[in-house]
């Protein structure tokens, strides 16, 4: 699936079974504004950026983000 619009982004998120918070966290977006950014993209109020589209496509292809806690030393 190619992410070309907010509608595609929302559909991809639902296919993954993720909430807006889950997607924002997986994309490592700012905790304060990441959720809002995703909602704006999904509603069409903001353009879906290339990096977000590519990363979401990778999630759909089976890429699983690593947990940052493993690397906190």
N, C-alpha and C. Protein backbone atom coordinates (compact mmCIF):
# COMPACT_ATOMS: atom_id res chain seq x y z
N UNK A 1 0.84 -1.18 0.00
CA UNK A 1 0.00 0.00 0.00
C UNK A 1 0.88 1.24 0.00
N UNK A 2 0.59 2.18 -0.87
CA UNK A 2 1.32 3.46 -0.92
C UNK A 2 0.52 4.50 -0.16
N UNK A 3 1.22 5.27 0.65
CA UNK A 3 0.60 6.35 1.40
C UNK A 3 0.71 7.62 0.57
N UNK A 4 -0.41 8.08 0.05
CA UNK A 4 -0.41 9.28 -0.79
C UNK A 4 -1.31 10.39 -0.23
N UNK A 5 -2.12 10.05 0.75
CA UNK A 5 -3.06 11.04 1.28
C UNK A 5 -3.33 10.74 2.76
N UNK A 6 -4.01 11.67 3.39
CA UNK A 6 -4.40 11.46 4.78
C UNK A 6 -5.33 10.26 4.93
N UNK A 7 -6.18 10.07 3.94
CA UNK A 7 -7.09 8.91 3.95
C UNK A 7 -6.28 7.61 3.93
N UNK A 8 -5.23 7.58 3.11
CA UNK A 8 -4.36 6.40 3.06
C UNK A 8 -3.66 6.18 4.40
N UNK A 9 -3.20 7.28 5.01
CA UNK A 9 -2.50 7.19 6.30
C UNK A 9 -3.43 6.61 7.36
N UNK A 10 -4.65 7.09 7.40
CA UNK A 10 -5.61 6.59 8.39
C UNK A 10 -5.93 5.12 8.14
N UNK A 11 -6.12 4.75 6.88
CA UNK A 11 -6.40 3.36 6.55
C UNK A 11 -5.23 2.46 6.97
N UNK A 12 -4.01 2.91 6.71
CA UNK A 12 -2.83 2.13 7.10
C UNK A 12 -2.77 1.96 8.61
N UNK A 13 -3.03 3.04 9.32
CA UNK A 13 -3.00 2.98 10.79
C UNK A 13 -4.02 1.97 11.30
N UNK A 14 -5.20 1.97 10.71
CA UNK A 14 -6.24 1.04 11.14
C UNK A 14 -5.87 -0.41 10.78
N UNK A 15 -5.25 -0.60 9.62
CA UNK A 15 -4.79 -1.94 9.24
C UNK A 15 -3.78 -2.45 10.27
N UNK A 16 -2.90 -1.56 10.73
CA UNK A 16 -1.91 -1.93 11.73
C UNK A 16 -2.54 -2.18 13.10
N UNK A 17 -3.78 -1.71 13.29
CA UNK A 17 -4.44 -1.87 14.58
C UNK A 17 -3.92 -0.88 15.62
N UNK A 18 -3.40 0.25 15.14
CA UNK A 18 -2.78 1.24 16.02
C UNK A 18 -3.70 2.43 16.24
N UNK A 19 -3.54 3.05 17.40
CA UNK A 19 -4.20 4.32 17.67
C UNK A 19 -3.34 5.44 17.08
N UNK A 20 -3.87 6.64 17.10
CA UNK A 20 -3.08 7.80 16.66
C UNK A 20 -1.83 7.91 17.53
N UNK A 21 -1.99 7.68 18.82
CA UNK A 21 -0.83 7.72 19.74
C UNK A 21 0.22 6.68 19.38
N UNK A 22 -0.23 5.48 19.05
CA UNK A 22 0.70 4.41 18.67
C UNK A 22 1.52 4.81 17.45
N UNK A 23 0.85 5.35 16.43
CA UNK A 23 1.56 5.74 15.22
C UNK A 23 2.52 6.88 15.50
N UNK A 24 2.07 7.89 16.23
CA UNK A 24 2.95 9.02 16.56
C UNK A 24 4.18 8.54 17.33
N UNK A 25 3.99 7.66 18.30
CA UNK A 25 5.12 7.12 19.07
C UNK A 25 6.06 6.32 18.19
N UNK A 26 5.52 5.48 17.33
CA UNK A 26 6.35 4.66 16.45
C UNK A 26 7.14 5.50 15.46
N UNK A 27 6.59 6.64 15.09
CA UNK A 27 7.29 7.56 14.19
C UNK A 27 8.24 8.48 14.93
N UNK A 28 8.27 8.34 16.25
CA UNK A 28 9.13 9.16 17.12
C UNK A 28 8.82 10.66 17.00
N UNK A 29 7.53 10.95 16.86
CA UNK A 29 7.10 12.34 16.79
C UNK A 29 7.04 12.91 18.20
N UNK A 30 7.09 14.20 18.30
CA UNK A 30 7.07 14.90 19.58
C UNK A 30 5.86 14.48 20.39
N UNK A 31 6.08 14.13 21.67
CA UNK A 31 4.94 13.73 22.51
C UNK A 31 3.88 14.82 22.62
N UNK A 32 4.29 16.06 22.56
CA UNK A 32 3.33 17.15 22.71
C UNK A 32 2.51 17.44 21.48
N UNK A 33 3.10 17.28 20.30
CA UNK A 33 2.39 17.67 19.07
C UNK A 33 2.26 16.55 18.05
N UNK A 34 2.88 15.42 18.27
CA UNK A 34 2.85 14.33 17.30
C UNK A 34 1.46 13.82 16.99
N UNK A 35 0.66 13.63 18.03
CA UNK A 35 -0.71 13.14 17.84
C UNK A 35 -1.52 14.12 17.02
N UNK A 36 -1.36 15.39 17.33
CA UNK A 36 -2.08 16.43 16.60
C UNK A 36 -1.65 16.45 15.13
N UNK A 37 -0.36 16.27 14.89
CA UNK A 37 0.15 16.25 13.51
C UNK A 37 -0.46 15.10 12.72
N UNK A 38 -0.53 13.93 13.33
CA UNK A 38 -1.13 12.76 12.66
C UNK A 38 -2.60 13.03 12.35
N UNK A 39 -3.33 13.56 13.33
CA UNK A 39 -4.75 13.84 13.11
C UNK A 39 -4.95 14.85 11.99
N UNK A 40 -4.09 15.87 11.93
CA UNK A 40 -4.20 16.88 10.87
C UNK A 40 -3.91 16.26 9.50
N UNK A 41 -2.93 15.36 9.44
CA UNK A 41 -2.63 14.69 8.18
C UNK A 41 -3.79 13.79 7.76
N UNK A 42 -4.32 13.03 8.70
CA UNK A 42 -5.42 12.12 8.38
C UNK A 42 -6.67 12.86 7.92
N UNK A 43 -6.90 14.03 8.47
CA UNK A 43 -8.11 14.79 8.11
C UNK A 43 -7.93 15.60 6.82
N UNK A 44 -6.69 15.67 6.32
CA UNK A 44 -6.43 16.43 5.12
C UNK A 44 -6.08 17.89 5.37
N UNK A 45 -6.01 18.28 6.65
CA UNK A 45 -5.65 19.66 7.00
C UNK A 45 -4.16 19.93 6.81
N UNK A 46 -3.37 18.86 6.72
CA UNK A 46 -1.92 18.98 6.56
C UNK A 46 -1.45 17.90 5.59
N UNK A 47 -0.40 18.19 4.86
CA UNK A 47 0.17 17.26 3.89
C UNK A 47 0.88 16.10 4.61
N UNK A 48 0.72 14.89 4.12
CA UNK A 48 1.47 13.74 4.66
C UNK A 48 2.89 13.86 4.12
N UNK A 49 3.85 13.99 5.02
CA UNK A 49 5.23 14.17 4.60
C UNK A 49 5.82 12.87 4.07
N UNK A 50 6.83 13.00 3.24
CA UNK A 50 7.49 11.83 2.66
C UNK A 50 8.01 10.87 3.71
N UNK A 51 8.75 11.37 4.72
CA UNK A 51 9.27 10.44 5.73
C UNK A 51 8.18 9.68 6.48
N UNK A 52 7.07 10.35 6.77
CA UNK A 52 5.98 9.66 7.46
C UNK A 52 5.34 8.62 6.55
N UNK A 53 5.17 8.95 5.29
CA UNK A 53 4.61 7.99 4.34
C UNK A 53 5.51 6.77 4.21
N UNK A 54 6.82 6.99 4.04
CA UNK A 54 7.76 5.88 3.86
C UNK A 54 7.82 5.01 5.11
N UNK A 55 7.89 5.64 6.28
CA UNK A 55 7.96 4.86 7.53
C UNK A 55 6.68 4.05 7.74
N UNK A 56 5.53 4.64 7.46
CA UNK A 56 4.27 3.91 7.63
C UNK A 56 4.18 2.75 6.65
N UNK A 57 4.65 2.96 5.43
CA UNK A 57 4.69 1.85 4.46
C UNK A 57 5.60 0.73 4.97
N UNK A 58 6.70 1.10 5.61
CA UNK A 58 7.61 0.08 6.18
C UNK A 58 6.92 -0.69 7.29
N UNK A 59 6.15 0.01 8.13
CA UNK A 59 5.41 -0.68 9.20
C UNK A 59 4.44 -1.69 8.58
N UNK A 60 3.77 -1.29 7.52
CA UNK A 60 2.83 -2.19 6.86
C UNK A 60 3.54 -3.41 6.26
N UNK A 61 4.79 -3.23 5.86
CA UNK A 61 5.56 -4.32 5.27
C UNK A 61 6.17 -5.24 6.32
N UNK A 62 5.99 -4.90 7.59
CA UNK A 62 6.45 -5.77 8.66
C UNK A 62 7.57 -5.24 9.52
N UNK A 63 8.06 -4.04 9.24
CA UNK A 63 9.10 -3.45 10.08
C UNK A 63 8.50 -3.14 11.45
N UNK A 64 9.21 -3.54 12.50
CA UNK A 64 8.76 -3.27 13.86
C UNK A 64 9.78 -2.35 14.52
N UNK A 65 9.35 -1.16 14.95
CA UNK A 65 10.29 -0.24 15.60
C UNK A 65 10.84 -0.84 16.88
N UNK A 66 12.13 -0.61 17.12
CA UNK A 66 12.75 -1.11 18.34
C UNK A 66 12.34 -0.26 19.51
N UNK A 67 12.35 -0.86 20.68
CA UNK A 67 12.03 -0.15 21.91
C UNK A 67 13.26 0.62 22.34
N UNK A 68 13.13 1.92 22.50
CA UNK A 68 14.26 2.77 22.90
C UNK A 68 14.86 2.39 24.24
N UNK A 69 14.09 1.76 25.12
CA UNK A 69 14.58 1.43 26.44
C UNK A 69 15.79 0.51 26.39
N UNK A 70 15.89 -0.31 25.35
CA UNK A 70 17.03 -1.22 25.22
C UNK A 70 18.35 -0.46 25.06
N UNK A 71 18.27 0.75 24.55
CA UNK A 71 19.46 1.50 24.21
C UNK A 71 19.76 2.64 25.17
N UNK A 72 18.97 2.77 26.22
CA UNK A 72 19.20 3.82 27.21
C UNK A 72 20.25 3.35 28.21
N UNK A 73 21.46 3.84 28.04
CA UNK A 73 22.54 3.49 28.98
C UNK A 73 23.15 4.72 29.56
